[in-house]
N, C-alpha and C. Protein backbone atom coordinates (compact mmCIF):
# COMPACT_ATOMS: atom_id res chain seq x y z
N LEU A 1 184.89 -106.12 112.02
CA LEU A 1 185.04 -104.83 111.35
C LEU A 1 186.41 -104.68 110.69
N GLY A 2 187.37 -105.46 111.15
CA GLY A 2 188.71 -105.37 110.61
C GLY A 2 189.54 -104.32 111.33
N ASN A 3 190.82 -104.33 111.05
CA ASN A 3 191.75 -103.37 111.65
C ASN A 3 191.68 -103.36 113.16
N GLY A 4 191.39 -104.50 113.76
CA GLY A 4 191.37 -104.60 115.21
C GLY A 4 190.07 -104.19 115.87
N TRP A 5 189.05 -103.83 115.09
CA TRP A 5 187.76 -103.41 115.65
C TRP A 5 186.80 -104.59 115.74
N GLN A 6 186.03 -104.63 116.83
CA GLN A 6 185.00 -105.66 117.02
C GLN A 6 183.76 -105.01 117.63
N THR A 7 182.59 -105.49 117.24
CA THR A 7 181.35 -105.09 117.89
C THR A 7 180.64 -106.33 118.42
N GLN A 8 179.90 -106.15 119.49
CA GLN A 8 179.16 -107.25 120.10
C GLN A 8 177.75 -106.75 120.40
N TYR A 9 176.73 -107.50 119.97
CA TYR A 9 175.33 -107.14 120.16
C TYR A 9 174.68 -108.19 121.04
N CYS A 10 174.27 -107.80 122.24
CA CYS A 10 173.73 -108.76 123.21
C CYS A 10 172.25 -108.54 123.45
N HIS A 11 171.56 -109.61 123.85
CA HIS A 11 170.15 -109.62 124.26
C HIS A 11 169.20 -109.44 123.08
N LEU A 12 169.63 -109.80 121.87
CA LEU A 12 168.72 -109.73 120.73
C LEU A 12 167.55 -110.69 120.93
N ARG A 13 166.44 -110.39 120.29
CA ARG A 13 165.25 -111.23 120.41
C ARG A 13 165.55 -112.63 119.88
N ASP A 14 165.14 -113.64 120.65
CA ASP A 14 165.35 -115.02 120.22
C ASP A 14 164.76 -115.24 118.83
N GLY A 15 165.56 -115.85 117.96
CA GLY A 15 165.08 -116.18 116.62
C GLY A 15 165.12 -115.04 115.63
N SER A 16 165.59 -113.85 116.05
CA SER A 16 165.55 -112.69 115.14
C SER A 16 166.86 -112.44 114.40
N ILE A 17 167.94 -113.13 114.77
CA ILE A 17 169.23 -112.85 114.16
C ILE A 17 169.19 -113.26 112.68
N SER A 18 169.55 -112.32 111.81
CA SER A 18 169.39 -112.54 110.37
C SER A 18 170.72 -112.74 109.64
N VAL A 19 171.82 -112.91 110.40
CA VAL A 19 173.12 -113.16 109.78
C VAL A 19 173.75 -114.39 110.43
N VAL A 20 174.73 -114.97 109.74
CA VAL A 20 175.46 -116.11 110.28
C VAL A 20 176.95 -115.83 110.18
N ARG A 21 177.73 -116.59 110.92
CA ARG A 21 179.19 -116.42 110.93
C ARG A 21 179.72 -116.44 109.49
N GLY A 22 180.56 -115.47 109.18
CA GLY A 22 181.15 -115.39 107.86
C GLY A 22 180.45 -114.45 106.90
N ASP A 23 179.20 -114.03 107.22
CA ASP A 23 178.49 -113.09 106.35
C ASP A 23 179.21 -111.75 106.31
N GLN A 24 179.21 -111.13 105.14
CA GLN A 24 179.72 -109.77 105.00
C GLN A 24 178.53 -108.82 105.14
N VAL A 25 178.65 -107.85 106.03
CA VAL A 25 177.56 -106.89 106.23
C VAL A 25 178.09 -105.49 106.01
N LYS A 26 177.17 -104.57 105.73
CA LYS A 26 177.54 -103.17 105.55
C LYS A 26 176.65 -102.30 106.42
N ALA A 27 177.01 -101.05 106.58
CA ALA A 27 176.24 -100.13 107.40
C ALA A 27 174.79 -100.11 106.94
N GLY A 28 173.88 -100.24 107.89
CA GLY A 28 172.45 -100.21 107.58
C GLY A 28 171.82 -101.58 107.45
N ASP A 29 172.62 -102.64 107.34
CA ASP A 29 172.06 -103.99 107.26
C ASP A 29 171.44 -104.38 108.60
N ALA A 30 170.27 -105.01 108.55
CA ALA A 30 169.61 -105.49 109.76
C ALA A 30 170.32 -106.76 110.24
N LEU A 31 170.67 -106.78 111.52
CA LEU A 31 171.33 -107.96 112.10
C LEU A 31 170.38 -108.77 112.96
N GLY A 32 169.37 -108.10 113.54
CA GLY A 32 168.40 -108.74 114.42
C GLY A 32 167.52 -107.69 115.05
N LEU A 33 166.69 -108.13 116.00
CA LEU A 33 165.75 -107.23 116.67
C LEU A 33 166.08 -107.12 118.15
N VAL A 34 165.83 -105.96 118.71
CA VAL A 34 166.03 -105.75 120.14
C VAL A 34 165.18 -106.76 120.90
N GLY A 35 165.73 -107.31 121.98
CA GLY A 35 164.99 -108.32 122.72
C GLY A 35 165.34 -108.33 124.19
N GLN A 36 165.09 -109.49 124.80
CA GLN A 36 165.31 -109.67 126.23
C GLN A 36 165.91 -111.06 126.49
N SER A 37 166.74 -111.52 125.55
CA SER A 37 167.32 -112.84 125.70
C SER A 37 168.45 -112.81 126.73
N GLY A 38 168.94 -113.99 127.08
CA GLY A 38 169.97 -114.06 128.11
C GLY A 38 169.38 -113.73 129.47
N GLN A 39 170.10 -112.99 130.27
CA GLN A 39 169.61 -112.65 131.60
C GLN A 39 169.23 -111.17 131.69
N ALA A 40 168.75 -110.59 130.59
CA ALA A 40 168.31 -109.20 130.58
C ALA A 40 167.04 -109.05 131.41
N GLU A 41 166.92 -107.91 132.08
CA GLU A 41 165.74 -107.66 132.91
C GLU A 41 164.66 -106.89 132.16
N PHE A 42 165.01 -106.32 131.00
CA PHE A 42 164.03 -105.63 130.18
C PHE A 42 164.57 -105.59 128.75
N PRO A 43 163.71 -105.38 127.74
CA PRO A 43 164.17 -105.37 126.35
C PRO A 43 165.13 -104.21 126.09
N HIS A 44 166.30 -104.51 125.55
CA HIS A 44 167.26 -103.48 125.19
C HIS A 44 168.37 -104.13 124.37
N LEU A 45 169.21 -103.30 123.79
CA LEU A 45 170.39 -103.77 123.09
C LEU A 45 171.62 -103.37 123.88
N HIS A 46 172.43 -104.33 124.22
CA HIS A 46 173.72 -104.08 124.86
C HIS A 46 174.77 -104.13 123.76
N LEU A 47 175.27 -102.96 123.39
CA LEU A 47 176.27 -102.86 122.33
C LEU A 47 177.64 -102.63 122.95
N SER A 48 178.60 -103.47 122.61
CA SER A 48 179.98 -103.29 123.03
C SER A 48 180.84 -103.07 121.79
N LEU A 49 181.75 -102.10 121.90
CA LEU A 49 182.69 -101.81 120.82
C LEU A 49 184.10 -101.91 121.39
N ARG A 50 184.97 -102.63 120.67
CA ARG A 50 186.34 -102.82 121.14
C ARG A 50 187.32 -102.54 120.00
N HIS A 51 188.47 -101.99 120.38
CA HIS A 51 189.59 -101.85 119.44
C HIS A 51 190.82 -102.46 120.09
N GLU A 52 191.39 -103.46 119.42
CA GLU A 52 192.53 -104.19 119.98
C GLU A 52 192.21 -104.69 121.39
N ASP A 53 191.00 -105.23 121.56
CA ASP A 53 190.52 -105.80 122.83
C ASP A 53 190.32 -104.78 123.95
N THR A 54 190.35 -103.50 123.63
CA THR A 54 190.07 -102.45 124.61
C THR A 54 188.69 -101.87 124.34
N VAL A 55 187.85 -101.81 125.38
CA VAL A 55 186.50 -101.26 125.21
C VAL A 55 186.58 -99.79 124.86
N VAL A 56 185.79 -99.37 123.87
CA VAL A 56 185.74 -97.99 123.41
C VAL A 56 184.29 -97.51 123.50
N ASP A 57 184.10 -96.30 124.02
CA ASP A 57 182.78 -95.70 124.08
C ASP A 57 182.52 -95.00 122.75
N PRO A 58 181.54 -95.45 121.94
CA PRO A 58 181.32 -94.82 120.63
C PRO A 58 180.86 -93.37 120.73
N PHE A 59 180.33 -92.98 121.90
CA PHE A 59 179.95 -91.58 122.10
C PHE A 59 181.17 -90.73 122.43
N ASP A 60 182.23 -91.36 122.90
CA ASP A 60 183.41 -90.63 123.37
C ASP A 60 184.65 -91.50 123.18
N PRO A 61 185.12 -91.64 121.93
CA PRO A 61 186.19 -92.59 121.66
C PRO A 61 187.49 -92.29 122.39
N ASP A 62 187.74 -91.04 122.76
CA ASP A 62 188.95 -90.71 123.50
C ASP A 62 188.80 -90.93 125.00
N MET A 63 187.55 -91.31 125.43
CA MET A 63 187.26 -91.61 126.84
C MET A 63 187.65 -90.45 127.75
N GLN A 64 187.28 -89.23 127.34
CA GLN A 64 187.64 -88.04 128.11
C GLN A 64 186.48 -87.45 128.89
N ASP A 65 185.24 -87.71 128.45
CA ASP A 65 184.07 -87.06 129.06
C ASP A 65 183.28 -88.04 129.89
N ALA A 66 183.01 -87.71 131.16
CA ALA A 66 182.24 -88.58 132.05
C ALA A 66 180.85 -88.81 131.48
N CYS A 67 180.48 -90.07 131.38
CA CYS A 67 179.15 -90.48 130.89
C CYS A 67 178.90 -90.05 129.45
N ALA A 68 179.92 -89.56 128.77
CA ALA A 68 179.81 -89.20 127.35
C ALA A 68 178.74 -88.16 127.08
N THR A 69 178.40 -87.34 128.05
CA THR A 69 177.35 -86.34 127.83
C THR A 69 177.86 -85.09 127.14
N ASN A 70 179.18 -84.86 127.16
CA ASN A 70 179.73 -83.65 126.57
C ASN A 70 180.75 -83.95 125.48
N ALA A 71 180.74 -85.16 124.97
CA ALA A 71 181.75 -85.54 123.98
C ALA A 71 181.65 -84.67 122.73
N THR A 72 182.80 -84.25 122.21
CA THR A 72 182.81 -83.39 121.03
C THR A 72 182.96 -84.19 119.75
N GLN A 73 183.38 -85.45 119.84
CA GLN A 73 183.45 -86.29 118.66
C GLN A 73 182.95 -87.68 119.02
N THR A 74 182.34 -88.35 118.06
CA THR A 74 181.82 -89.69 118.30
C THR A 74 182.19 -90.57 117.11
N LEU A 75 181.91 -91.85 117.23
CA LEU A 75 182.15 -92.78 116.13
C LEU A 75 180.88 -93.05 115.32
N TRP A 76 179.77 -92.42 115.69
CA TRP A 76 178.52 -92.62 114.94
C TRP A 76 178.58 -91.86 113.62
N SER A 77 178.14 -92.49 112.54
CA SER A 77 178.13 -91.80 111.24
C SER A 77 177.08 -90.69 111.24
N ASP A 78 175.97 -90.91 111.93
CA ASP A 78 174.95 -89.88 112.14
C ASP A 78 174.84 -89.65 113.64
N PRO A 79 174.76 -88.39 114.07
CA PRO A 79 174.70 -88.12 115.52
C PRO A 79 173.55 -88.89 116.19
N VAL A 80 173.85 -89.49 117.34
CA VAL A 80 172.86 -90.20 118.13
C VAL A 80 172.76 -89.48 119.46
N LYS A 81 171.55 -89.08 119.81
CA LYS A 81 171.37 -88.37 121.08
C LYS A 81 171.57 -89.34 122.24
N TYR A 82 172.40 -88.93 123.17
CA TYR A 82 172.64 -89.75 124.36
C TYR A 82 171.62 -89.38 125.42
N SER A 83 170.88 -90.38 125.90
CA SER A 83 169.85 -90.14 126.91
C SER A 83 170.18 -90.97 128.15
N PRO A 84 170.68 -90.33 129.21
CA PRO A 84 171.01 -91.08 130.42
C PRO A 84 169.79 -91.50 131.22
N SER A 85 168.64 -90.88 130.94
CA SER A 85 167.41 -91.17 131.69
C SER A 85 166.22 -90.99 130.76
N GLY A 86 165.13 -91.67 131.07
CA GLY A 86 163.93 -91.48 130.25
C GLY A 86 162.85 -92.50 130.56
N TRP A 87 161.77 -92.42 129.79
CA TRP A 87 160.64 -93.33 129.92
C TRP A 87 160.75 -94.42 128.88
N LEU A 88 160.54 -95.66 129.28
CA LEU A 88 160.54 -96.79 128.36
C LEU A 88 159.12 -97.13 127.91
N ASP A 89 158.15 -96.94 128.79
CA ASP A 89 156.78 -97.27 128.46
C ASP A 89 155.84 -96.57 129.43
N ALA A 90 154.60 -96.41 129.05
CA ALA A 90 153.59 -95.77 129.90
C ALA A 90 152.22 -96.20 129.40
N GLY A 91 151.23 -96.12 130.28
CA GLY A 91 149.89 -96.50 129.85
C GLY A 91 148.83 -96.23 130.90
N PHE A 92 147.59 -96.46 130.49
CA PHE A 92 146.43 -96.39 131.37
C PHE A 92 145.96 -97.81 131.66
N SER A 93 145.34 -97.99 132.82
CA SER A 93 144.79 -99.29 133.18
C SER A 93 143.61 -99.08 134.13
N ALA A 94 142.76 -100.11 134.22
CA ALA A 94 141.62 -100.07 135.15
C ALA A 94 142.01 -100.55 136.54
N THR A 95 143.21 -101.10 136.68
CA THR A 95 143.71 -101.57 137.97
C THR A 95 145.19 -101.23 138.07
N VAL A 96 145.74 -101.32 139.26
CA VAL A 96 147.18 -101.11 139.42
C VAL A 96 147.91 -102.31 138.82
N PRO A 97 148.72 -102.09 137.81
CA PRO A 97 149.42 -103.24 137.21
C PRO A 97 150.61 -103.68 138.04
N ARG A 98 150.94 -104.95 137.95
CA ARG A 98 152.15 -105.45 138.57
C ARG A 98 153.32 -105.15 137.65
N PHE A 99 154.45 -104.81 138.24
CA PHE A 99 155.63 -104.47 137.45
C PHE A 99 156.02 -105.62 136.54
N GLU A 100 155.90 -106.85 137.04
CA GLU A 100 156.25 -108.02 136.24
C GLU A 100 155.38 -108.12 134.99
N THR A 101 154.12 -107.72 135.12
CA THR A 101 153.20 -107.75 133.97
C THR A 101 153.62 -106.72 132.94
N VAL A 102 153.99 -105.52 133.39
CA VAL A 102 154.46 -104.48 132.48
C VAL A 102 155.73 -104.93 131.77
N LEU A 103 156.68 -105.50 132.51
CA LEU A 103 157.93 -105.96 131.91
C LEU A 103 157.69 -107.02 130.84
N ALA A 104 156.71 -107.89 131.10
CA ALA A 104 156.42 -108.96 130.15
C ALA A 104 155.65 -108.48 128.92
N GLY A 105 155.16 -107.23 128.98
CA GLY A 105 154.38 -106.71 127.86
C GLY A 105 153.01 -107.34 127.75
N ALA A 106 152.52 -107.93 128.85
CA ALA A 106 151.21 -108.58 128.85
C ALA A 106 150.11 -107.52 128.81
N PRO A 107 148.96 -107.85 128.23
CA PRO A 107 147.87 -106.87 128.17
C PRO A 107 147.35 -106.52 129.56
N LEU A 108 146.94 -105.27 129.71
CA LEU A 108 146.37 -104.77 130.97
C LEU A 108 144.91 -104.41 130.73
N PRO A 109 144.07 -104.51 131.77
CA PRO A 109 142.66 -104.16 131.57
C PRO A 109 142.52 -102.66 131.31
N PRO A 110 141.93 -102.28 130.17
CA PRO A 110 141.82 -100.86 129.85
C PRO A 110 140.78 -100.17 130.75
N PRO A 111 140.91 -98.86 130.91
CA PRO A 111 139.88 -98.14 131.68
C PRO A 111 138.51 -98.33 131.04
N HIS A 112 137.49 -98.49 131.87
CA HIS A 112 136.13 -98.61 131.34
C HIS A 112 135.16 -98.01 132.35
N GLU A 113 133.94 -97.83 131.90
CA GLU A 113 132.94 -97.07 132.67
C GLU A 113 132.72 -97.66 134.05
N THR A 114 132.72 -98.97 134.16
CA THR A 114 132.47 -99.60 135.46
C THR A 114 133.75 -100.13 136.09
N GLY A 115 134.89 -99.69 135.58
CA GLY A 115 136.17 -100.14 136.12
C GLY A 115 136.37 -99.66 137.55
N PRO A 116 137.11 -100.42 138.35
CA PRO A 116 137.29 -100.08 139.75
C PRO A 116 138.15 -98.83 139.97
N ALA A 117 138.99 -98.50 138.99
CA ALA A 117 139.90 -97.37 139.16
C ALA A 117 140.36 -96.87 137.80
N LEU A 118 141.01 -95.72 137.82
CA LEU A 118 141.68 -95.18 136.65
C LEU A 118 143.14 -95.00 137.07
N VAL A 119 144.05 -95.73 136.42
CA VAL A 119 145.46 -95.73 136.81
C VAL A 119 146.31 -95.37 135.60
N MET A 120 147.27 -94.50 135.81
CA MET A 120 148.27 -94.22 134.79
C MET A 120 149.63 -94.62 135.35
N TRP A 121 150.41 -95.34 134.57
CA TRP A 121 151.69 -95.85 135.04
C TRP A 121 152.81 -95.49 134.07
N GLY A 122 154.02 -95.48 134.60
CA GLY A 122 155.19 -95.22 133.77
C GLY A 122 156.35 -96.08 134.21
N TYR A 123 157.13 -96.51 133.24
CA TYR A 123 158.29 -97.37 133.47
C TYR A 123 159.48 -96.69 132.81
N GLY A 124 160.55 -96.44 133.58
CA GLY A 124 161.67 -95.70 133.03
C GLY A 124 163.02 -96.19 133.49
N PHE A 125 164.06 -95.46 133.10
CA PHE A 125 165.44 -95.84 133.43
C PHE A 125 166.23 -94.60 133.82
N GLY A 126 167.31 -94.84 134.56
CA GLY A 126 168.24 -93.77 134.87
C GLY A 126 167.77 -92.77 135.91
N LEU A 127 167.04 -93.24 136.91
CA LEU A 127 166.53 -92.34 137.95
C LEU A 127 167.67 -91.95 138.90
N ARG A 128 167.72 -90.67 139.27
CA ARG A 128 168.76 -90.19 140.17
C ARG A 128 168.13 -89.54 141.41
N THR A 129 168.84 -89.65 142.53
CA THR A 129 168.39 -89.03 143.77
C THR A 129 168.14 -87.54 143.52
N GLY A 130 166.98 -87.06 143.97
CA GLY A 130 166.62 -85.66 143.79
C GLY A 130 165.77 -85.38 142.57
N ASP A 131 165.66 -86.35 141.63
CA ASP A 131 164.75 -86.18 140.49
C ASP A 131 163.32 -86.07 141.00
N THR A 132 162.45 -85.50 140.19
CA THR A 132 161.03 -85.47 140.52
C THR A 132 160.23 -86.12 139.39
N ILE A 133 159.22 -86.88 139.79
CA ILE A 133 158.33 -87.55 138.85
C ILE A 133 156.95 -86.93 139.00
N GLY A 134 156.38 -86.51 137.89
CA GLY A 134 155.06 -85.89 137.91
C GLY A 134 154.06 -86.66 137.07
N PHE A 135 152.85 -86.79 137.60
CA PHE A 135 151.73 -87.41 136.88
C PHE A 135 150.59 -86.41 136.82
N GLU A 136 149.91 -86.38 135.69
CA GLU A 136 148.72 -85.53 135.55
C GLU A 136 147.72 -86.20 134.64
N ILE A 137 146.49 -86.32 135.12
CA ILE A 137 145.40 -86.89 134.32
C ILE A 137 144.25 -85.89 134.33
N THR A 138 143.70 -85.61 133.16
CA THR A 138 142.49 -84.79 133.07
C THR A 138 141.46 -85.55 132.25
N GLY A 139 140.19 -85.36 132.61
CA GLY A 139 139.13 -86.06 131.91
C GLY A 139 137.84 -85.29 131.92
N PRO A 140 136.78 -85.88 131.41
CA PRO A 140 135.48 -85.21 131.35
C PRO A 140 134.93 -84.90 132.74
N ASN A 141 134.01 -83.95 132.79
CA ASN A 141 133.35 -83.54 134.03
C ASN A 141 134.33 -83.02 135.07
N GLY A 142 135.43 -82.41 134.60
CA GLY A 142 136.38 -81.80 135.51
C GLY A 142 137.29 -82.76 136.27
N ILE A 143 137.35 -84.00 135.83
CA ILE A 143 138.22 -84.96 136.51
C ILE A 143 139.68 -84.50 136.39
N SER A 144 140.38 -84.46 137.50
CA SER A 144 141.77 -84.04 137.52
C SER A 144 142.52 -84.79 138.62
N ILE A 145 143.58 -85.45 138.23
CA ILE A 145 144.45 -86.18 139.17
C ILE A 145 145.86 -85.71 138.89
N ALA A 146 146.55 -85.20 139.89
CA ALA A 146 147.92 -84.73 139.68
C ALA A 146 148.74 -84.98 140.94
N THR A 147 149.97 -85.38 140.73
CA THR A 147 150.88 -85.59 141.85
C THR A 147 152.32 -85.43 141.37
N THR A 148 153.17 -84.92 142.25
CA THR A 148 154.60 -84.81 141.99
C THR A 148 155.33 -85.32 143.21
N SER A 149 156.36 -86.14 142.99
CA SER A 149 157.12 -86.66 144.13
C SER A 149 158.61 -86.62 143.82
N GLU A 150 159.39 -86.40 144.87
CA GLU A 150 160.84 -86.36 144.72
C GLU A 150 161.42 -87.73 145.01
N VAL A 151 162.43 -88.09 144.25
CA VAL A 151 163.07 -89.40 144.36
C VAL A 151 164.13 -89.38 145.45
N ASP A 152 164.12 -90.40 146.30
CA ASP A 152 165.09 -90.43 147.40
C ASP A 152 166.26 -91.38 147.18
N ALA A 153 166.26 -92.10 146.05
CA ALA A 153 167.37 -93.02 145.76
C ALA A 153 167.49 -93.24 144.25
N SER A 154 168.71 -93.33 143.78
CA SER A 154 168.95 -93.59 142.36
C SER A 154 168.57 -95.03 142.03
N LYS A 155 168.05 -95.23 140.81
CA LYS A 155 167.67 -96.56 140.36
C LYS A 155 167.97 -96.68 138.88
N ALA A 156 168.48 -97.86 138.48
CA ALA A 156 168.74 -98.10 137.07
C ALA A 156 167.44 -98.16 136.28
N ARG A 157 166.41 -98.72 136.87
CA ARG A 157 165.08 -98.75 136.25
C ARG A 157 164.06 -98.55 137.35
N PHE A 158 162.89 -98.05 136.98
CA PHE A 158 161.89 -97.75 137.99
C PHE A 158 160.49 -97.83 137.41
N PHE A 159 159.53 -97.98 138.31
CA PHE A 159 158.12 -98.11 137.94
C PHE A 159 157.30 -97.29 138.92
N ARG A 160 156.45 -96.41 138.41
CA ARG A 160 155.60 -95.58 139.27
C ARG A 160 154.19 -95.52 138.66
N TYR A 161 153.22 -95.22 139.50
CA TYR A 161 151.85 -95.07 139.00
C TYR A 161 151.08 -94.12 139.90
N VAL A 162 149.97 -93.63 139.38
CA VAL A 162 149.05 -92.81 140.15
C VAL A 162 147.64 -93.20 139.69
N GLY A 163 146.67 -93.10 140.57
CA GLY A 163 145.32 -93.46 140.19
C GLY A 163 144.29 -93.00 141.19
N LYS A 164 143.06 -93.32 140.88
CA LYS A 164 141.95 -92.92 141.72
C LYS A 164 140.85 -93.97 141.60
N LYS A 165 140.18 -94.24 142.72
CA LYS A 165 139.05 -95.17 142.67
C LYS A 165 137.90 -94.53 141.91
N ALA A 166 137.06 -95.39 141.34
CA ALA A 166 135.94 -94.90 140.53
C ALA A 166 134.96 -94.09 141.38
N PRO A 167 134.43 -93.01 140.83
CA PRO A 167 133.42 -92.23 141.55
C PRO A 167 132.08 -92.98 141.55
N PRO A 168 131.15 -92.59 142.43
CA PRO A 168 129.82 -93.21 142.41
C PRO A 168 129.21 -93.08 141.01
N GLY A 169 128.68 -94.16 140.51
CA GLY A 169 128.08 -94.14 139.17
C GLY A 169 129.06 -94.46 138.07
N GLY A 170 130.34 -94.64 138.41
CA GLY A 170 131.33 -95.03 137.39
C GLY A 170 132.01 -93.84 136.73
N TRP A 171 132.89 -94.14 135.82
CA TRP A 171 133.67 -93.12 135.13
C TRP A 171 132.87 -92.46 134.01
N PRO A 172 132.92 -91.14 133.91
CA PRO A 172 132.23 -90.46 132.80
C PRO A 172 132.82 -90.90 131.46
N LYS A 173 131.98 -91.00 130.46
CA LYS A 173 132.46 -91.35 129.13
C LYS A 173 133.20 -90.16 128.53
N GLY A 174 134.17 -90.47 127.70
CA GLY A 174 134.91 -89.41 127.02
C GLY A 174 136.40 -89.68 126.99
N ARG A 175 137.11 -88.61 126.69
CA ARG A 175 138.57 -88.69 126.51
C ARG A 175 139.29 -88.34 127.81
N TYR A 176 140.33 -89.12 128.12
CA TYR A 176 141.18 -88.89 129.27
C TYR A 176 142.61 -88.68 128.76
N ASP A 177 143.22 -87.57 129.16
CA ASP A 177 144.58 -87.24 128.75
C ASP A 177 145.52 -87.39 129.93
N GLY A 178 146.70 -87.94 129.67
CA GLY A 178 147.68 -88.12 130.73
C GLY A 178 149.05 -87.62 130.31
N GLN A 179 149.82 -87.21 131.30
CA GLN A 179 151.19 -86.79 131.06
C GLN A 179 152.05 -87.22 132.24
N ILE A 180 153.19 -87.81 131.94
CA ILE A 180 154.15 -88.12 133.00
C ILE A 180 155.46 -87.43 132.65
N THR A 181 156.11 -86.89 133.67
CA THR A 181 157.36 -86.17 133.45
C THR A 181 158.43 -86.66 134.41
N LEU A 182 159.65 -86.56 133.97
CA LEU A 182 160.82 -86.80 134.81
C LEU A 182 161.64 -85.53 134.75
N ALA A 183 161.86 -84.90 135.91
CA ALA A 183 162.59 -83.63 135.96
C ALA A 183 163.85 -83.77 136.79
N ARG A 184 164.87 -83.04 136.38
CA ARG A 184 166.16 -83.04 137.08
C ARG A 184 166.66 -81.60 137.17
N ASP A 185 167.02 -81.20 138.37
CA ASP A 185 167.50 -79.82 138.60
C ASP A 185 166.51 -78.79 138.07
N GLY A 186 165.22 -79.07 138.25
CA GLY A 186 164.18 -78.13 137.88
C GLY A 186 163.78 -78.12 136.42
N ALA A 187 164.41 -78.95 135.58
CA ALA A 187 164.08 -78.99 134.16
C ALA A 187 163.57 -80.37 133.77
N VAL A 188 162.50 -80.41 132.97
CA VAL A 188 161.96 -81.68 132.50
C VAL A 188 162.92 -82.29 131.49
N ILE A 189 163.37 -83.52 131.76
CA ILE A 189 164.30 -84.19 130.85
C ILE A 189 163.64 -85.33 130.07
N ALA A 190 162.44 -85.75 130.49
CA ALA A 190 161.72 -86.79 129.77
C ALA A 190 160.23 -86.62 130.02
N ARG A 191 159.45 -86.78 128.95
CA ARG A 191 158.00 -86.58 129.06
C ARG A 191 157.29 -87.61 128.18
N ARG A 192 156.19 -88.12 128.66
CA ARG A 192 155.32 -89.00 127.88
C ARG A 192 153.90 -88.46 127.98
N THR A 193 153.19 -88.41 126.88
CA THR A 193 151.77 -88.05 126.88
C THR A 193 151.00 -89.22 126.30
N LEU A 194 149.80 -89.44 126.84
CA LEU A 194 148.98 -90.54 126.37
C LEU A 194 147.50 -90.20 126.53
N THR A 195 146.70 -90.95 125.81
CA THR A 195 145.25 -90.71 125.79
C THR A 195 144.51 -92.03 125.90
N ALA A 196 143.39 -91.99 126.62
CA ALA A 196 142.50 -93.16 126.70
C ALA A 196 141.07 -92.67 126.51
N ARG A 197 140.22 -93.56 126.02
CA ARG A 197 138.80 -93.21 125.85
C ARG A 197 137.95 -94.21 126.62
N ILE A 198 136.93 -93.69 127.25
CA ILE A 198 135.91 -94.53 127.88
C ILE A 198 134.62 -94.26 127.14
N ASP A 199 134.10 -95.27 126.45
CA ASP A 199 132.88 -95.10 125.63
C ASP A 199 131.74 -95.94 126.17
């Protein structure tokens, strides 16, 4: 960047880097795609910003606000919302998925009429002790599955699911709606809604 500034982009998708050493780039140029290269545990971009070899938080360049949640000035040209917690992915499945399968992005068996179960899962980050996770599924013929649980330990990433075994005669055909929420101090801070059809 010049003038003592450096940026570092880690864990880009293998083979996606579109620049080489010595290239001149400008704001908005694509450098690569978010990935899971190196020893990353899930797809993300690890961005480091340094000035004169000192790490700088782009959300809080004066390093005055804890976790940069209340910073009054940033280095972003356009404001970027800081999200300390949230959902990375969610879905429906006919079986309880393994966390490793979700992380790999492998296909999961979709809900179907003769499926053994109806499962809704969520994968997120930034879980804190005392947070609550809520699941709600509604479907045809009055099907309703809902649960809320309080978190007993903070986690950098987490995986939760809720489900029900198939009723006698299988799952009714139609639309199934799901919602997962992450709440902190009584307020929902992250929500995902999803839909599945059984035809």
